Amino acid sequence: MEYIQAGQMIRELRRRKGMSQEQLCEGLCEPPTMSKIEKGRQYPNKKLLDALLVRLQQNAELQVPVSAADFERAQLEREIVSRIANKEYDLLELAEQYKECSQAMSNHEMQFYLFTQAIHLIGINRNWEDSLEKLEAAIQMTMPKYTAGEKIISNILTSIEFSILNNIAICLWFLHQQENAVLLMQQLYNILNSYDMDREEYAKRLPMTAFNLSTWLGILKQYPNALRIAEEGIRCCIKYGKYESFGDLLYNKGFTLLCLGQKVDGEKSLRKAFMLMYACENSKSYEVFRDDITKNFGKDFWADITNDILPESWNY
């Protein structure tokens, strides 16, 4: 597709949305650049074009030529995202390779670079304070008005913006800023349900967001809300066949049911959760939740719900 066609499409979509050029491009590029793109006088790189289309709530795949540096960075970005998905957080070498490609980084590329550094600090060192600093610098590359504790102005986020804000919330929680953490995670949860976003993106993000939010609300003893959100996350897992967070959400549901005095249903949910963790060989989550149950309800209760469903090697 020719660039002038892409520019014309962006202009037409923007006008249909009733958006000004300044509203569309805020944090992404300067208004004069936006004007040149719409008139076909300047070629946007693919990351800028993708970000503009997300803000316009479009999933169209527009093909644009890329430089060698763009191509190299795209390959490195895929590798970094893949490693994060596999919980491999030693990312500094890849981050520096990303930075040292032959051309200067755009705002979007600098945003991804800072995000990668922050995830390395979280995953390797649990350095929440320095990670938060980098994440806030990253989000302000495209959302310059973002401030912790305030409402997110836009309800349309790119994939990387969502990931950055999600990790900001996690950092805030571990830095004991619980009110701001819950507020931000609640906003992300609401954003996921507020507009017709890509179903694959929704199915990938909602269960983990629901798990984090329901966990925190449970810790704060807001049990009815924690239960509602855990159940919505479970329904999403089933509907879209995304089961990575399924066992964790079943656990949260069972735990909150017990706290609400619904012992029979709570035990059923916990049994399902632990059987699923055993089937998936998810010993890490299992051990965390086992310790949580024994701390809150005692070893006898733990034995009652697990002795007949789990092998001795997975029990006390």
C-alpha atoms as a PDB file:
ATOM      1  CA  MET A   1       0.000   0.000   0.000  1.00  0.00           C
ATOM      2  CA  GLU A   2       1.358   3.473  -0.846  1.00  0.00           C
ATOM      3  CA  TYR A   3       2.190   5.846   1.983  1.00  0.00           C
ATOM      4  CA  ILE A   4      -0.204   8.503   0.703  1.00  0.00           C
ATOM      5  CA  GLN A   5      -2.977   5.917   0.961  1.00  0.00           C
ATOM      6  CA  ALA A   6      -1.997   5.149   4.550  1.00  0.00           C
ATOM      7  CA  GLY A   7      -1.962   8.870   5.337  1.00  0.00           C
ATOM      8  CA  GLN A   8      -5.346   9.372   3.723  1.00  0.00           C
ATOM      9  CA  MET A   9      -6.756   6.431   5.687  1.00  0.00           C
ATOM     10  CA  ILE A  10      -5.463   7.838   8.962  1.00  0.00           C
ATOM     11  CA  ARG A  11      -6.926  11.258   8.160  1.00  0.00           C
ATOM     12  CA  GLU A  12     -10.323   9.803   7.277  1.00  0.00           C
ATOM     13  CA  LEU A  13     -10.438   7.577  10.397  1.00  0.00           C
ATOM     14  CA  ARG A  14      -9.365  10.479  12.595  1.00  0.00           C
ATOM     15  CA  ARG A  15     -12.115  12.708  11.211  1.00  0.00           C
ATOM     16  CA  ARG A  16     -14.740   9.994  11.733  1.00  0.00           C
ATOM     17  CA  LYS A  17     -13.649   9.756  15.366  1.00  0.00           C
ATOM     18  CA  GLY A  18     -13.940  13.529  15.746  1.00  0.00           C
ATOM     19  CA  MET A  19     -10.295  13.755  16.822  1.00  0.00           C
ATOM     20  CA  SER A  20      -7.893  16.590  16.099  1.00  0.00           C
ATOM     21  CA  GLN A  21      -4.403  15.863  14.823  1.00  0.00           C
ATOM     22  CA  GLU A  22      -3.077  16.975  18.216  1.00  0.00           C
ATOM     23  CA  GLN A  23      -5.304  14.499  20.076  1.00  0.00           C
ATOM     24  CA  LEU A  24      -4.327  11.619  17.821  1.00  0.00           C
ATOM     25  CA  CYS A  25      -0.589  12.172  17.885  1.00  0.00           C
ATOM     26  CA  GLU A  26      -0.077  13.291  21.511  1.00  0.00           C
ATOM     27  CA  GLY A  27       2.985  11.495  22.824  1.00  0.00           C
ATOM     28  CA  LEU A  28       3.509   9.704  19.504  1.00  0.00           C
ATOM     29  CA  CYS A  29       4.831  12.454  17.246  1.00  0.00           C
ATOM     30  CA  GLU A  30       4.652  16.226  16.786  1.00  0.00           C
ATOM     31  CA  PRO A  31       1.571  17.769  15.110  1.00  0.00           C
ATOM     32  CA  PRO A  32       3.619  19.007  12.095  1.00  0.00           C
ATOM     33  CA  THR A  33       4.803  15.414  11.573  1.00  0.00           C
ATOM     34  CA  MET A  34       1.217  14.198  11.793  1.00  0.00           C
ATOM     35  CA  SER A  35       0.174  16.739   9.190  1.00  0.00           C
ATOM     36  CA  LYS A  36       2.938  15.638   6.811  1.00  0.00           C
ATOM     37  CA  ILE A  37       1.949  11.972   7.212  1.00  0.00           C
ATOM     38  CA  GLU A  38      -1.699  12.674   6.435  1.00  0.00           C
ATOM     39  CA  LYS A  39      -0.687  14.670   3.335  1.00  0.00           C
ATOM     40  CA  GLY A  40       1.665  11.907   2.176  1.00  0.00           C
ATOM     41  CA  ARG A  41       4.748  14.095   2.549  1.00  0.00           C
ATOM     42  CA  GLN A  42       6.433  11.981   5.238  1.00  0.00           C
ATOM     43  CA  TYR A  43       6.710   8.225   5.656  1.00  0.00           C
ATOM     44  CA  PRO A  44       5.841   6.918   9.149  1.00  0.00           C
ATOM     45  CA  ASN A  45       7.840   3.978  10.412  1.00  0.00           C
ATOM     46  CA  LYS A  46       5.896   0.854  11.274  1.00  0.00           C
ATOM     47  CA  LYS A  47       5.877   1.380  15.065  1.00  0.00           C
ATOM     48  CA  LEU A  48       4.407   4.867  14.679  1.00  0.00           C
ATOM     49  CA  LEU A  49       1.835   3.647  12.163  1.00  0.00           C
ATOM     50  CA  ASP A  50       0.809   0.761  14.427  1.00  0.00           C
ATOM     51  CA  ALA A  51       0.443   3.119  17.419  1.00  0.00           C
ATOM     52  CA  LEU A  52      -1.717   5.556  15.422  1.00  0.00           C
ATOM     53  CA  LEU A  53      -3.963   2.711  14.253  1.00  0.00           C
ATOM     54  CA  VAL A  54      -4.390   1.441  17.834  1.00  0.00           C
ATOM     55  CA  ARG A  55      -5.544   4.895  18.928  1.00  0.00           C
ATOM     56  CA  LEU A  56      -7.979   4.857  16.033  1.00  0.00           C
ATOM     57  CA  GLN A  57      -9.179   1.399  17.196  1.00  0.00           C
ATOM     58  CA  GLN A  58      -8.120  -0.228  13.958  1.00  0.00           C
ATOM     59  CA  ASN A  59      -6.438  -3.618  13.524  1.00  0.00           C
ATOM     60  CA  ALA A  60      -5.584  -3.094   9.848  1.00  0.00           C
ATOM     61  CA  GLU A  61      -2.221  -4.450   8.731  1.00  0.00           C
ATOM     62  CA  LEU A  62      -0.629  -1.756   6.596  1.00  0.00           C
ATOM     63  CA  GLN A  63       2.596  -2.747   4.893  1.00  0.00           C
ATOM     64  CA  VAL A  64       5.379  -0.156   5.004  1.00  0.00           C
ATOM     65  CA  PRO A  65       8.999  -0.321   3.895  1.00  0.00           C
ATOM     66  CA  VAL A  66      11.483  -0.649   6.745  1.00  0.00           C
ATOM     67  CA  SER A  67      15.133   0.215   7.076  1.00  0.00           C
ATOM     68  CA  ALA A  68      17.747  -2.369   8.046  1.00  0.00           C
ATOM     69  CA  ALA A  69      17.765  -0.903  11.571  1.00  0.00           C
ATOM     70  CA  ASP A  70      13.963  -1.113  11.781  1.00  0.00           C
ATOM     71  CA  PHE A  71      14.121  -4.744  10.708  1.00  0.00           C
ATOM     72  CA  GLU A  72      16.880  -5.600  13.196  1.00  0.00           C
ATOM     73  CA  ARG A  73      15.034  -3.903  16.050  1.00  0.00           C
ATOM     74  CA  ALA A  74      11.820  -5.725  15.133  1.00  0.00           C
ATOM     75  CA  GLN A  75      13.640  -9.066  15.342  1.00  0.00           C
ATOM     76  CA  LEU A  76      15.192  -8.152  18.701  1.00  0.00           C
ATOM     77  CA  GLU A  77      11.827  -6.976  20.009  1.00  0.00           C
ATOM     78  CA  ARG A  78      10.242 -10.317  19.147  1.00  0.00           C
ATOM     79  CA  GLU A  79      13.059 -12.137  20.935  1.00  0.00           C
ATOM     80  CA  ILE A  80      12.707  -9.970  24.041  1.00  0.00           C
ATOM     81  CA  VAL A  81       8.914 -10.423  24.164  1.00  0.00           C
ATOM     82  CA  SER A  82       9.361 -14.185  23.749  1.00  0.00           C
ATOM     83  CA  ARG A  83      11.842 -14.362  26.621  1.00  0.00           C
ATOM     84  CA  ILE A  84       9.584 -12.348  28.917  1.00  0.00           C
ATOM     85  CA  ALA A  85       6.678 -14.678  28.078  1.00  0.00           C
ATOM     86  CA  ASN A  86       8.910 -17.620  29.063  1.00  0.00           C
ATOM     87  CA  LYS A  87       9.938 -15.864  32.302  1.00  0.00           C
ATOM     88  CA  GLU A  88      13.535 -15.437  31.109  1.00  0.00           C
ATOM     89  CA  TYR A  89      14.514 -12.026  32.461  1.00  0.00           C
ATOM     90  CA  ASP A  90      18.249 -11.714  31.733  1.00  0.00           C
ATOM     91  CA  LEU A  91      17.628  -9.088  29.059  1.00  0.00           C
ATOM     92  CA  LEU A  92      20.392  -6.480  29.323  1.00  0.00           C
ATOM     93  CA  GLU A  93      22.474  -7.798  26.431  1.00  0.00           C
ATOM     94  CA  LEU A  94      19.470  -7.841  24.115  1.00  0.00           C
ATOM     95  CA  ALA A  95      18.430  -4.386  25.327  1.00  0.00           C
ATOM     96  CA  GLU A  96      21.848  -2.950  24.445  1.00  0.00           C
ATOM     97  CA  GLN A  97      21.756  -4.621  21.031  1.00  0.00           C
ATOM     98  CA  TYR A  98      18.360  -3.022  20.514  1.00  0.00           C
ATOM     99  CA  LYS A  99      19.735   0.388  21.492  1.00  0.00           C
ATOM    100  CA  GLU A 100      22.857   0.134  19.340  1.00  0.00           C
ATOM    101  CA  CYS A 101      21.147  -0.443  15.995  1.00  0.00           C
ATOM    102  CA  SER A 102      22.444   1.963  13.408  1.00  0.00           C
ATOM    103  CA  GLN A 103      19.873   4.744  13.708  1.00  0.00           C
ATOM    104  CA  ALA A 104      18.644   6.857  16.622  1.00  0.00           C
ATOM    105  CA  MET A 105      15.690   5.508  18.546  1.00  0.00           C
ATOM    106  CA  SER A 106      12.228   7.001  18.114  1.00  0.00           C
ATOM    107  CA  ASN A 107      10.002   7.686  21.136  1.00  0.00           C
ATOM    108  CA  HIS A 108       8.380   4.271  20.706  1.00  0.00           C
ATOM    109  CA  GLU A 109      11.707   2.462  20.482  1.00  0.00           C
ATOM    110  CA  MET A 110      13.071   4.320  23.520  1.00  0.00           C
ATOM    111  CA  GLN A 111       9.886   3.336  25.333  1.00  0.00           C
ATOM    112  CA  PHE A 112      10.453  -0.338  24.560  1.00  0.00           C
ATOM    113  CA  TYR A 113      14.148  -0.064  25.537  1.00  0.00           C
ATOM    114  CA  LEU A 114      13.294   1.412  28.957  1.00  0.00           C
ATOM    115  CA  PHE A 115      10.590  -1.218  29.453  1.00  0.00           C
ATOM    116  CA  THR A 116      13.094  -4.001  28.730  1.00  0.00           C
ATOM    117  CA  GLN A 117      15.563  -2.582  31.245  1.00  0.00           C
ATOM    118  CA  ALA A 118      12.815  -2.368  33.874  1.00  0.00           C
ATOM    119  CA  ILE A 119      11.688  -5.965  33.355  1.00  0.00           C
ATOM    120  CA  HIS A 120      15.308  -7.097  33.744  1.00  0.00           C
ATOM    121  CA  LEU A 121      15.530  -5.245  37.073  1.00  0.00           C
ATOM    122  CA  ILE A 122      12.240  -6.755  38.266  1.00  0.00           C
ATOM    123  CA  GLY A 123      12.954 -10.302  37.134  1.00  0.00           C
ATOM    124  CA  ILE A 124      16.611 -10.561  38.128  1.00  0.00           C
ATOM    125  CA  ASN A 125      16.986  -8.236  41.117  1.00  0.00           C
ATOM    126  CA  ARG A 126      13.443  -7.479  42.356  1.00  0.00           C
ATOM    127  CA  ASN A 127      14.582  -3.851  42.234  1.00  0.00           C
ATOM    128  CA  TRP A 128      11.141  -2.276  42.439  1.00  0.00           C
ATOM    129  CA  GLU A 129      12.246   1.327  42.969  1.00  0.00           C
ATOM    130  CA  ASP A 130      14.618   1.589  39.996  1.00  0.00           C
ATOM    131  CA  SER A 131      12.203  -0.421  37.861  1.00  0.00           C
ATOM    132  CA  LEU A 132       9.378   1.987  38.679  1.00  0.00           C
ATOM    133  CA  GLU A 133      11.551   4.946  37.690  1.00  0.00           C
ATOM    134  CA  LYS A 134      12.299   3.419  34.283  1.00  0.00           C
ATOM    135  CA  LEU A 135       8.697   2.352  33.723  1.00  0.00           C
ATOM    136  CA  GLU A 136       7.362   5.809  34.506  1.00  0.00           C
ATOM    137  CA  ALA A 137       9.911   7.345  32.127  1.00  0.00           C
ATOM    138  CA  ALA A 138       8.830   4.813  29.492  1.00  0.00           C
ATOM    139  CA  ILE A 139       5.084   5.507  29.770  1.00  0.00           C
ATOM    140  CA  GLN A 140       5.668   9.245  29.674  1.00  0.00           C
ATOM    141  CA  MET A 141       7.254   8.855  26.234  1.00  0.00           C
ATOM    142  CA  THR A 142       3.755   8.386  24.794  1.00  0.00           C
ATOM    143  CA  MET A 143       1.541   9.469  27.715  1.00  0.00           C
ATOM    144  CA  PRO A 144       3.308  12.626  28.924  1.00  0.00           C
ATOM    145  CA  LYS A 145       0.492  13.539  31.331  1.00  0.00           C
ATOM    146  CA  TYR A 146       0.609  10.225  33.224  1.00  0.00           C
ATOM    147  CA  THR A 147       0.951  10.611  36.991  1.00  0.00           C
ATOM    148  CA  ALA A 148       0.699   7.826  39.561  1.00  0.00           C
ATOM    149  CA  GLY A 149      -2.519   7.929  41.527  1.00  0.00           C
ATOM    150  CA  GLU A 150      -4.491   9.792  38.857  1.00  0.00           C
ATOM    151  CA  LYS A 151      -6.962   8.488  36.302  1.00  0.00           C
ATOM    152  CA  ILE A 152      -5.572   7.369  32.944  1.00  0.00           C
ATOM    153  CA  ILE A 153      -6.908   9.863  30.413  1.00  0.00           C
ATOM    154  CA  SER A 154      -7.041   7.531  27.403  1.00  0.00           C
ATOM    155  CA  ASN A 155      -8.897   4.231  27.424  1.00  0.00           C
ATOM    156  CA  ILE A 156      -7.122   3.054  24.255  1.00  0.00           C
ATOM    157  CA  LEU A 157      -3.662   1.660  24.938  1.00  0.00           C
ATOM    158  CA  THR A 158      -1.055   0.058  22.742  1.00  0.00           C
ATOM    159  CA  SER A 159       0.194  -3.364  23.807  1.00  0.00           C
ATOM    160  CA  ILE A 160       3.442  -1.941  25.197  1.00  0.00           C
ATOM    161  CA  GLU A 161       1.622   0.864  27.057  1.00  0.00           C
ATOM    162  CA  PHE A 162      -0.596  -1.720  28.743  1.00  0.00           C
ATOM    163  CA  SER A 163       2.419  -3.844  29.731  1.00  0.00           C
ATOM    164  CA  ILE A 164       4.232  -0.826  31.150  1.00  0.00           C
ATOM    165  CA  LEU A 165       1.243   0.318  33.218  1.00  0.00           C
ATOM    166  CA  ASN A 166       0.624  -3.231  34.462  1.00  0.00           C
ATOM    167  CA  ASN A 167       4.201  -3.430  35.722  1.00  0.00           C
ATOM    168  CA  ILE A 168       3.988   0.048  37.248  1.00  0.00           C
ATOM    169  CA  ALA A 169       1.035  -1.208  39.306  1.00  0.00           C
ATOM    170  CA  ILE A 170       3.035  -4.244  40.436  1.00  0.00           C
ATOM    171  CA  CYS A 171       5.988  -2.057  41.442  1.00  0.00           C
ATOM    172  CA  LEU A 172       3.681   0.280  43.376  1.00  0.00           C
ATOM    173  CA  TRP A 173       2.219  -2.679  45.260  1.00  0.00           C
ATOM    174  CA  PHE A 174       5.621  -4.001  46.326  1.00  0.00           C
ATOM    175  CA  LEU A 175       6.711  -0.490  47.282  1.00  0.00           C
ATOM    176  CA  HIS A 176       3.732  -0.430  49.693  1.00  0.00           C
ATOM    177  CA  GLN A 177       1.749   2.102  47.658  1.00  0.00           C
ATOM    178  CA  GLN A 178      -1.244  -0.210  47.766  1.00  0.00           C
ATOM    179  CA  GLU A 179      -3.937   2.369  47.093  1.00  0.00           C
ATOM    180  CA  ASN A 180      -2.248   3.606  43.905  1.00  0.00           C
ATOM    181  CA  ALA A 181      -1.476   0.033  42.805  1.00  0.00           C
ATOM    182  CA  VAL A 182      -5.100  -1.105  43.120  1.00  0.00           C
ATOM    183  CA  LEU A 183      -6.386   2.089  41.479  1.00  0.00           C
ATOM    184  CA  LEU A 184      -4.135   1.590  38.454  1.00  0.00           C
ATOM    185  CA  MET A 185      -4.836  -2.144  38.115  1.00  0.00           C
ATOM    186  CA  GLN A 186      -8.580  -1.459  38.408  1.00  0.00           C
ATOM    187  CA  GLN A 187      -8.290   1.097  35.600  1.00  0.00           C
ATOM    188  CA  LEU A 188      -6.467  -1.415  33.399  1.00  0.00           C
ATOM    189  CA  TYR A 189      -9.131  -4.014  34.157  1.00  0.00           C
ATOM    190  CA  ASN A 190     -11.869  -1.537  33.223  1.00  0.00           C
ATOM    191  CA  ILE A 191     -10.055  -0.539  30.030  1.00  0.00           C
ATOM    192  CA  LEU A 192      -9.947  -4.178  28.940  1.00  0.00           C
ATOM    193  CA  ASN A 193     -13.738  -4.277  29.203  1.00  0.00           C
ATOM    194  CA  SER A 194     -14.489  -0.777  27.925  1.00  0.00           C
ATOM    195  CA  TYR A 195     -14.089  -1.089  24.170  1.00  0.00           C
ATOM    196  CA  ASP A 196     -14.050  -3.675  21.419  1.00  0.00           C
ATOM    197  CA  MET A 197     -10.340  -4.470  21.422  1.00  0.00           C
ATOM    198  CA  ASP A 198      -8.686  -7.345  19.594  1.00  0.00           C
ATOM    199  CA  ARG A 199     -10.069 -10.574  21.094  1.00  0.00           C
ATOM    200  CA  GLU A 200      -6.666 -12.271  21.186  1.00  0.00           C
ATOM    201  CA  GLU A 201      -5.186  -9.351  23.098  1.00  0.00           C
ATOM    202  CA  TYR A 202      -8.173  -9.305  25.478  1.00  0.00           C
ATOM    203  CA  ALA A 203      -7.982 -13.055  26.122  1.00  0.00           C
ATOM    204  CA  LYS A 204      -4.262 -12.824  26.811  1.00  0.00           C
ATOM    205  CA  ARG A 205      -4.399  -9.870  29.183  1.00  0.00           C
ATOM    206  CA  LEU A 206      -7.644 -10.078  31.143  1.00  0.00           C
ATOM    207  CA  PRO A 207      -6.956 -13.302  33.135  1.00  0.00           C
ATOM    208  CA  MET A 208      -3.599 -12.089  34.481  1.00  0.00           C
ATOM    209  CA  THR A 209      -5.015  -8.642  35.234  1.00  0.00           C
ATOM    210  CA  ALA A 210      -7.948 -10.293  37.009  1.00  0.00           C
ATOM    211  CA  PHE A 211      -5.569 -12.484  39.012  1.00  0.00           C
ATOM    212  CA  ASN A 212      -3.430  -9.553  40.193  1.00  0.00           C
ATOM    213  CA  LEU A 213      -6.445  -7.418  41.050  1.00  0.00           C
ATOM    214  CA  SER A 214      -8.385 -10.180  42.814  1.00  0.00           C
ATOM    215  CA  THR A 215      -5.263 -11.119  44.799  1.00  0.00           C
ATOM    216  CA  TRP A 216      -4.733  -7.576  46.018  1.00  0.00           C
ATOM    217  CA  LEU A 217      -8.407  -7.040  46.840  1.00  0.00           C
ATOM    218  CA  GLY A 218      -8.348 -10.299  48.792  1.00  0.00           C
ATOM    219  CA  ILE A 219      -5.320  -9.161  50.789  1.00  0.00           C
ATOM    220  CA  LEU A 220      -7.187  -5.928  51.529  1.00  0.00           C
ATOM    221  CA  LYS A 221     -10.193  -8.079  52.610  1.00  0.00           C
ATOM    222  CA  GLN A 222     -12.464  -6.720  49.888  1.00  0.00           C
ATOM    223  CA  TYR A 223     -13.744 -10.263  49.364  1.00  0.00           C
ATOM    224  CA  PRO A 224     -16.928  -9.705  47.296  1.00  0.00           C
ATOM    225  CA  ASN A 225     -15.055  -7.654  44.694  1.00  0.00           C
ATOM    226  CA  ALA A 226     -12.135 -10.092  44.725  1.00  0.00           C
ATOM    227  CA  LEU A 227     -14.537 -12.997  44.105  1.00  0.00           C
ATOM    228  CA  ARG A 228     -16.367 -11.207  41.276  1.00  0.00           C
ATOM    229  CA  ILE A 229     -13.166 -10.396  39.436  1.00  0.00           C
ATOM    230  CA  ALA A 230     -11.680 -13.873  39.917  1.00  0.00           C
ATOM    231  CA  GLU A 231     -14.868 -15.409  38.484  1.00  0.00           C
ATOM    232  CA  GLU A 232     -14.773 -13.059  35.484  1.00  0.00           C
ATOM    233  CA  GLY A 233     -11.170 -14.087  34.861  1.00  0.00           C
ATOM    234  CA  ILE A 234     -12.144 -17.776  35.031  1.00  0.00           C
ATOM    235  CA  ARG A 235     -14.947 -17.239  32.508  1.00  0.00           C
ATOM    236  CA  CYS A 236     -12.513 -15.525  30.150  1.00  0.00           C
ATOM    237  CA  CYS A 237     -10.052 -18.440  30.392  1.00  0.00           C
ATOM    238  CA  ILE A 238     -12.789 -20.932  29.536  1.00  0.00           C
ATOM    239  CA  LYS A 239     -14.358 -18.869  26.757  1.00  0.00           C
ATOM    240  CA  TYR A 240     -11.105 -18.240  24.886  1.00  0.00           C
ATOM    241  CA  GLY A 241      -9.148 -21.364  25.819  1.00  0.00           C
ATOM    242  CA  LYS A 242      -6.396 -19.430  27.607  1.00  0.00           C
ATOM    243  CA  TYR A 243      -5.420 -21.388  30.715  1.00  0.00           C
ATOM    244  CA  GLU A 244      -2.114 -19.905  31.879  1.00  0.00           C
ATOM    245  CA  SER A 245      -3.774 -18.115  34.828  1.00  0.00           C
ATOM    246  CA  PHE A 246      -6.654 -20.563  35.236  1.00  0.00           C
ATOM    247  CA  GLY A 247      -5.336 -22.434  38.280  1.00  0.00           C
ATOM    248  CA  ASP A 248      -4.321 -19.208  40.015  1.00  0.00           C
ATOM    249  CA  LEU A 249      -7.774 -17.725  39.472  1.00  0.00           C
ATOM    250  CA  LEU A 250      -9.452 -20.894  40.760  1.00  0.00           C
ATOM    251  CA  TYR A 251      -7.302 -20.584  43.865  1.00  0.00           C
ATOM    252  CA  ASN A 252      -8.323 -16.946  44.386  1.00  0.00           C
ATOM    253  CA  LYS A 253     -11.969 -17.902  43.961  1.00  0.00           C
ATOM    254  CA  GLY A 254     -11.669 -20.718  46.508  1.00  0.00           C
ATOM    255  CA  PHE A 255      -9.786 -18.603  49.021  1.00  0.00           C
ATOM    256  CA  THR A 256     -12.273 -15.719  48.878  1.00  0.00           C
ATOM    257  CA  LEU A 257     -15.230 -18.115  49.145  1.00  0.00           C
ATOM    258  CA  LEU A 258     -13.731 -19.512  52.342  1.00  0.00           C
ATOM    259  CA  CYS A 259     -13.253 -15.990  53.677  1.00  0.00           C
ATOM    260  CA  LEU A 260     -16.914 -15.289  52.875  1.00  0.00           C
ATOM    261  CA  GLY A 261     -17.956 -18.367  54.862  1.00  0.00           C
ATOM    262  CA  GLN A 262     -18.866 -20.497  51.810  1.00  0.00           C
ATOM    263  CA  LYS A 263     -16.821 -23.517  52.886  1.00  0.00           C
ATOM    264  CA  VAL A 264     -18.182 -26.211  50.538  1.00  0.00           C
ATOM    265  CA  ASP A 265     -17.837 -24.174  47.346  1.00  0.00           C
ATOM    266  CA  GLY A 266     -14.494 -22.815  48.517  1.00  0.00           C
ATOM    267  CA  GLU A 267     -13.098 -26.298  49.025  1.00  0.00           C
ATOM    268  CA  LYS A 268     -14.339 -27.402  45.594  1.00  0.00           C
ATOM    269  CA  SER A 269     -12.567 -24.517  43.893  1.00  0.00           C
ATOM    270  CA  LEU A 270      -9.347 -25.111  45.807  1.00  0.00           C
ATOM    271  CA  ARG A 271      -9.357 -28.806  44.910  1.00  0.00           C
ATOM    272  CA  LYS A 272      -9.743 -27.927  41.234  1.00  0.00           C
ATOM    273  CA  ALA A 273      -6.916 -25.417  41.502  1.00  0.00           C
ATOM    274  CA  PHE A 274      -4.488 -27.818  43.153  1.00  0.00           C
ATOM    275  CA  MET A 275      -5.318 -30.695  40.812  1.00  0.00           C
ATOM    276  CA  LEU A 276      -4.697 -28.406  37.836  1.00  0.00           C
ATOM    277  CA  MET A 277      -1.388 -27.211  39.261  1.00  0.00           C
ATOM    278  CA  TYR A 278      -0.308 -30.812  39.794  1.00  0.00           C
ATOM    279  CA  ALA A 279      -1.362 -31.813  36.260  1.00  0.00           C
ATOM    280  CA  CYS A 280       0.617 -28.879  34.835  1.00  0.00           C
ATOM    281  CA  GLU A 281       3.577 -29.539  37.174  1.00  0.00           C
ATOM    282  CA  ASN A 282       3.274 -25.981  38.451  1.00  0.00           C
ATOM    283  CA  SER A 283       5.052 -26.617  41.724  1.00  0.00           C
ATOM    284  CA  LYS A 284       6.056 -22.975  42.242  1.00  0.00           C
ATOM    285  CA  SER A 285       2.487 -21.630  42.464  1.00  0.00           C
ATOM    286  CA  TYR A 286       1.431 -24.755  44.355  1.00  0.00           C
ATOM    287  CA  GLU A 287       4.000 -24.202  47.111  1.00  0.00           C
ATOM    288  CA  VAL A 288       3.064 -20.531  47.504  1.00  0.00           C
ATOM    289  CA  PHE A 289      -0.641 -21.329  47.783  1.00  0.00           C
ATOM    290  CA  ARG A 290      -0.027 -24.330  50.056  1.00  0.00           C
ATOM    291  CA  ASP A 291       1.829 -22.091  52.508  1.00  0.00           C
ATOM    292  CA  ASP A 292      -0.934 -19.489  52.230  1.00  0.00           C
ATOM    293  CA  ILE A 293      -3.643 -22.023  53.067  1.00  0.00           C
ATOM    294  CA  THR A 294      -1.800 -23.508  56.039  1.00  0.00           C
ATOM    295  CA  LYS A 295      -1.030 -20.042  57.377  1.00  0.00           C
ATOM    296  CA  ASN A 296      -4.646 -18.893  57.187  1.00  0.00           C
ATOM    297  CA  PHE A 297      -6.609 -22.102  57.801  1.00  0.00           C
ATOM    298  CA  GLY A 298      -4.197 -24.577  59.366  1.00  0.00           C
ATOM    299  CA  LYS A 299      -2.462 -27.835  58.355  1.00  0.00           C
ATOM    300  CA  ASP A 300      -5.478 -29.967  59.197  1.00  0.00           C
ATOM    301  CA  PHE A 301      -7.609 -28.079  56.696  1.00  0.00           C
ATOM    302  CA  TRP A 302      -4.843 -28.405  54.112  1.00  0.00           C
ATOM    303  CA  ALA A 303      -4.735 -32.171  54.656  1.00  0.00           C
ATOM    304  CA  ASP A 304      -8.513 -32.456  54.333  1.00  0.00           C
ATOM    305  CA  ILE A 305      -8.610 -30.885  50.861  1.00  0.00           C
ATOM    306  CA  THR A 306      -5.456 -32.447  49.385  1.00  0.00           C
ATOM    307  CA  ASN A 307      -4.724 -35.903  50.848  1.00  0.00           C
ATOM    308  CA  ASP A 308      -7.113 -37.745  48.549  1.00  0.00           C
ATOM    309  CA  ILE A 309      -6.230 -35.855  45.347  1.00  0.00           C
ATOM    310  CA  LEU A 310      -2.458 -35.313  45.435  1.00  0.00           C
ATOM    311  CA  PRO A 311       0.503 -37.706  45.717  1.00  0.00           C
ATOM    312  CA  GLU A 312       2.581 -37.723  48.872  1.00  0.00           C
ATOM    313  CA  SER A 313       5.496 -36.058  47.088  1.00  0.00           C
ATOM    314  CA  TRP A 314       3.346 -32.949  46.637  1.00  0.00           C
ATOM    315  CA  ASN A 315       2.141 -32.894  50.213  1.00  0.00           C
ATOM    316  CA  TYR A 316       3.647 -32.381  53.647  1.00  0.00           C
END
